Amino acid sequence: MSCIAHFEGSKGGNLIPLTQKTTETLKTCIEQWRELFKEPERTVSCDVCLPLVNIGAQIHKSCYQRLTNKKRIVLAKKRHREVSDMP
């Protein structure tokens, strides 16, 4: 089995199975990223991996951390607002 949300250039390593809690967290964060990036080329990865997110699916720890990092999401939202506010 492979990582359901692999980032090119990530450390990779061992795959960890998703639990109930990590599944819920990952789905929430993917939806947040999806809302930020409405361009088709950016959302396609969310559309591909979201249906794969279920208990028992596997993901690299580094990929999970990158997707669920709240600080990254907050900074991306801030940048998105700044770009949207530009004339």
N, C-alpha and C. Protein backbone atom coordinates (compact mmCIF):
# COMPACT_ATOMS: atom_id res chain seq x y z
N MET A 1 0.85 -1.18 0.00
CA MET A 1 0.00 0.00 0.00
C MET A 1 0.89 1.24 0.00
N SER A 2 0.39 2.33 -0.56
CA SER A 2 1.19 3.55 -0.63
C SER A 2 0.53 4.67 0.16
N CYS A 3 1.26 5.76 0.30
CA CYS A 3 0.79 6.94 1.02
C CYS A 3 -0.37 7.57 0.24
N ILE A 4 -1.49 7.84 0.91
CA ILE A 4 -2.66 8.36 0.22
C ILE A 4 -2.55 9.85 -0.11
N ALA A 5 -1.58 10.54 0.48
CA ALA A 5 -1.45 11.99 0.25
C ALA A 5 0.02 12.37 0.18
N HIS A 6 0.77 11.65 -0.64
CA HIS A 6 2.21 11.85 -0.68
C HIS A 6 2.61 13.19 -1.28
N PHE A 7 3.55 13.85 -0.66
CA PHE A 7 4.13 15.09 -1.16
C PHE A 7 5.46 14.76 -1.79
N GLU A 8 5.66 15.19 -3.01
CA GLU A 8 6.95 14.99 -3.66
C GLU A 8 8.01 15.72 -2.84
N GLY A 9 9.09 15.06 -2.59
CA GLY A 9 10.16 15.65 -1.81
C GLY A 9 10.02 15.43 -0.31
N SER A 10 8.94 14.75 0.11
CA SER A 10 8.80 14.49 1.54
C SER A 10 9.78 13.41 1.97
N LYS A 11 9.98 13.30 3.25
CA LYS A 11 10.94 12.34 3.78
C LYS A 11 10.50 10.89 3.55
N GLY A 12 9.20 10.71 3.38
CA GLY A 12 8.72 9.34 3.20
C GLY A 12 8.83 8.57 4.50
N GLY A 13 9.44 7.43 4.44
CA GLY A 13 9.60 6.61 5.65
C GLY A 13 8.47 5.61 5.79
N ASN A 14 8.29 5.18 7.02
CA ASN A 14 7.26 4.18 7.29
C ASN A 14 5.87 4.77 7.13
N LEU A 15 4.97 3.95 6.67
CA LEU A 15 3.57 4.35 6.57
C LEU A 15 2.87 4.06 7.88
N ILE A 16 1.99 4.98 8.29
CA ILE A 16 1.22 4.76 9.51
C ILE A 16 -0.25 4.64 9.14
N PRO A 17 -0.99 3.75 9.80
CA PRO A 17 -2.41 3.62 9.50
C PRO A 17 -3.21 4.76 10.15
N LEU A 18 -4.24 5.20 9.46
CA LEU A 18 -5.09 6.25 10.01
C LEU A 18 -6.05 5.66 11.03
N THR A 19 -6.25 6.38 12.11
CA THR A 19 -7.21 6.00 13.15
C THR A 19 -8.47 6.85 12.95
N GLN A 20 -9.46 6.65 13.77
CA GLN A 20 -10.68 7.46 13.72
C GLN A 20 -10.34 8.94 13.85
N LYS A 21 -9.53 9.26 14.85
CA LYS A 21 -9.17 10.67 15.11
C LYS A 21 -8.35 11.26 13.98
N THR A 22 -7.32 10.56 13.52
CA THR A 22 -6.48 11.10 12.46
C THR A 22 -7.24 11.20 11.13
N THR A 23 -8.19 10.31 10.91
CA THR A 23 -9.03 10.37 9.71
C THR A 23 -9.86 11.65 9.73
N GLU A 24 -10.49 11.93 10.86
CA GLU A 24 -11.32 13.14 10.98
C GLU A 24 -10.47 14.40 10.81
N THR A 25 -9.32 14.43 11.45
CA THR A 25 -8.43 15.58 11.36
C THR A 25 -7.98 15.80 9.91
N LEU A 26 -7.57 14.74 9.26
CA LEU A 26 -7.08 14.84 7.89
C LEU A 26 -8.18 15.33 6.94
N LYS A 27 -9.39 14.80 7.08
CA LYS A 27 -10.50 15.23 6.23
C LYS A 27 -10.78 16.72 6.43
N THR A 28 -10.80 17.17 7.67
CA THR A 28 -11.04 18.58 7.97
C THR A 28 -9.98 19.46 7.34
N CYS A 29 -8.74 19.10 7.49
CA CYS A 29 -7.64 19.90 6.95
C CYS A 29 -7.62 19.90 5.42
N ILE A 30 -7.91 18.76 4.81
CA ILE A 30 -7.96 18.71 3.35
C ILE A 30 -9.06 19.64 2.83
N GLU A 31 -10.19 19.66 3.50
CA GLU A 31 -11.27 20.56 3.10
C GLU A 31 -10.85 22.02 3.24
N GLN A 32 -10.09 22.35 4.29
CA GLN A 32 -9.61 23.72 4.47
C GLN A 32 -8.66 24.10 3.34
N TRP A 33 -7.75 23.21 2.98
CA TRP A 33 -6.83 23.48 1.87
C TRP A 33 -7.61 23.64 0.57
N ARG A 34 -8.60 22.81 0.39
CA ARG A 34 -9.40 22.83 -0.83
C ARG A 34 -10.13 24.16 -0.99
N GLU A 35 -10.64 24.70 0.12
CA GLU A 35 -11.31 25.99 0.08
C GLU A 35 -10.35 27.12 -0.28
N LEU A 36 -9.12 27.01 0.15
CA LEU A 36 -8.12 28.05 -0.13
C LEU A 36 -7.72 28.06 -1.60
N PHE A 37 -7.58 26.90 -2.17
CA PHE A 37 -7.06 26.79 -3.53
C PHE A 37 -8.15 26.23 -4.44
N LYS A 38 -8.87 27.11 -5.05
CA LYS A 38 -9.98 26.68 -5.90
C LYS A 38 -9.54 26.37 -7.32
N GLU A 39 -8.27 26.65 -7.66
CA GLU A 39 -7.79 26.36 -9.00
C GLU A 39 -7.78 24.84 -9.21
N PRO A 40 -8.22 24.38 -10.38
CA PRO A 40 -8.31 22.93 -10.63
C PRO A 40 -7.01 22.17 -10.39
N GLU A 41 -5.87 22.76 -10.79
CA GLU A 41 -4.61 22.03 -10.63
C GLU A 41 -4.24 21.85 -9.16
N ARG A 42 -4.73 22.73 -8.29
CA ARG A 42 -4.43 22.58 -6.87
C ARG A 42 -5.43 21.67 -6.17
N THR A 43 -6.70 21.75 -6.56
CA THR A 43 -7.71 20.96 -5.86
C THR A 43 -7.75 19.52 -6.32
N VAL A 44 -7.16 19.24 -7.47
CA VAL A 44 -7.21 17.86 -7.97
C VAL A 44 -6.58 16.89 -6.98
N SER A 45 -5.50 17.28 -6.33
CA SER A 45 -4.88 16.37 -5.35
C SER A 45 -5.80 16.15 -4.16
N CYS A 46 -6.54 17.19 -3.76
CA CYS A 46 -7.50 17.03 -2.67
C CYS A 46 -8.64 16.12 -3.09
N ASP A 47 -9.10 16.30 -4.33
CA ASP A 47 -10.20 15.47 -4.83
C ASP A 47 -9.79 14.00 -4.93
N VAL A 48 -8.52 13.77 -5.24
CA VAL A 48 -8.02 12.41 -5.38
C VAL A 48 -7.85 11.74 -4.02
N CYS A 49 -7.25 12.45 -3.07
CA CYS A 49 -6.94 11.79 -1.80
C CYS A 49 -8.10 11.79 -0.81
N LEU A 50 -9.03 12.75 -0.91
CA LEU A 50 -10.12 12.80 0.06
C LEU A 50 -10.94 11.51 0.13
N PRO A 51 -11.35 10.92 -1.01
CA PRO A 51 -12.10 9.66 -0.91
C PRO A 51 -11.28 8.49 -0.34
N LEU A 52 -9.96 8.62 -0.38
CA LEU A 52 -9.10 7.56 0.13
C LEU A 52 -8.91 7.62 1.64
N VAL A 53 -9.31 8.76 2.24
CA VAL A 53 -9.11 8.95 3.67
C VAL A 53 -10.16 8.15 4.43
N ASN A 54 -9.72 7.06 5.00
CA ASN A 54 -10.59 6.25 5.83
C ASN A 54 -9.74 5.48 6.83
N ILE A 55 -10.38 4.97 7.85
CA ILE A 55 -9.66 4.24 8.89
C ILE A 55 -8.93 3.06 8.26
N GLY A 56 -7.66 2.95 8.56
CA GLY A 56 -6.85 1.85 8.03
C GLY A 56 -6.03 2.25 6.82
N ALA A 57 -6.41 3.35 6.13
CA ALA A 57 -5.58 3.83 5.02
C ALA A 57 -4.23 4.23 5.61
N GLN A 58 -3.22 4.32 4.76
CA GLN A 58 -1.88 4.60 5.28
C GLN A 58 -1.31 5.89 4.68
N ILE A 59 -0.52 6.57 5.51
CA ILE A 59 0.08 7.84 5.12
C ILE A 59 1.44 7.97 5.80
N HIS A 60 2.37 8.64 5.14
CA HIS A 60 3.64 8.92 5.80
C HIS A 60 3.40 9.94 6.92
N LYS A 61 4.10 9.80 8.00
CA LYS A 61 3.95 10.73 9.11
C LYS A 61 4.26 12.15 8.65
N SER A 62 5.31 12.32 7.83
CA SER A 62 5.68 13.66 7.37
C SER A 62 4.61 14.25 6.45
N CYS A 63 3.96 13.43 5.64
CA CYS A 63 2.89 13.91 4.76
C CYS A 63 1.67 14.32 5.59
N TYR A 64 1.35 13.52 6.60
CA TYR A 64 0.24 13.83 7.50
C TYR A 64 0.50 15.15 8.21
N GLN A 65 1.71 15.31 8.73
CA GLN A 65 2.05 16.53 9.46
C GLN A 65 1.98 17.75 8.55
N ARG A 66 2.43 17.59 7.32
CA ARG A 66 2.41 18.72 6.38
C ARG A 66 0.97 19.15 6.06
N LEU A 67 0.08 18.20 5.89
CA LEU A 67 -1.31 18.52 5.58
C LEU A 67 -2.09 19.07 6.76
N THR A 68 -1.74 18.63 7.96
CA THR A 68 -2.53 19.00 9.14
C THR A 68 -1.88 20.08 9.98
N ASN A 69 -0.79 20.66 9.51
CA ASN A 69 -0.09 21.69 10.26
C ASN A 69 -0.95 22.97 10.31
N LYS A 70 -1.49 23.26 11.48
CA LYS A 70 -2.40 24.40 11.64
C LYS A 70 -1.72 25.72 11.33
N LYS A 71 -0.44 25.83 11.67
CA LYS A 71 0.29 27.07 11.41
C LYS A 71 0.37 27.33 9.89
N ARG A 72 0.63 26.29 9.12
CA ARG A 72 0.68 26.42 7.66
C ARG A 72 -0.68 26.83 7.10
N ILE A 73 -1.74 26.27 7.64
CA ILE A 73 -3.08 26.59 7.17
C ILE A 73 -3.41 28.05 7.48
N VAL A 74 -3.10 28.50 8.68
CA VAL A 74 -3.35 29.89 9.07
C VAL A 74 -2.56 30.85 8.17
N LEU A 75 -1.29 30.55 7.94
CA LEU A 75 -0.48 31.42 7.08
C LEU A 75 -1.01 31.42 5.64
N ALA A 76 -1.44 30.29 5.16
CA ALA A 76 -1.99 30.22 3.80
C ALA A 76 -3.28 31.03 3.70
N LYS A 77 -4.11 30.97 4.74
CA LYS A 77 -5.35 31.75 4.74
C LYS A 77 -5.03 33.24 4.73
N LYS A 78 -4.03 33.63 5.51
CA LYS A 78 -3.62 35.03 5.56
C LYS A 78 -3.13 35.49 4.19
N ARG A 79 -2.27 34.71 3.55
CA ARG A 79 -1.76 35.05 2.21
C ARG A 79 -2.91 35.12 1.20
N HIS A 80 -3.83 34.20 1.31
CA HIS A 80 -4.97 34.15 0.39
C HIS A 80 -5.82 35.42 0.54
N ARG A 81 -6.06 35.86 1.78
CA ARG A 81 -6.83 37.08 2.02
C ARG A 81 -6.11 38.29 1.46
N GLU A 82 -4.78 38.35 1.66
CA GLU A 82 -4.00 39.47 1.17
C GLU A 82 -4.06 39.56 -0.36
N VAL A 83 -3.97 38.43 -1.02
CA VAL A 83 -4.04 38.41 -2.49
C VAL A 83 -5.45 38.79 -2.94
N SER A 84 -6.46 38.31 -2.24
CA SER A 84 -7.85 38.60 -2.60
C SER A 84 -8.18 40.08 -2.42
N ASP A 85 -7.53 40.71 -1.46
CA ASP A 85 -7.79 42.13 -1.17
C ASP A 85 -7.07 43.09 -2.12
N MET A 86 -6.14 42.58 -2.91
CA MET A 86 -5.40 43.43 -3.83
C MET A 86 -6.32 43.90 -4.95
N PRO A 87 -6.17 45.19 -5.35
CA PRO A 87 -7.03 45.71 -6.43
C PRO A 87 -6.73 45.09 -7.77
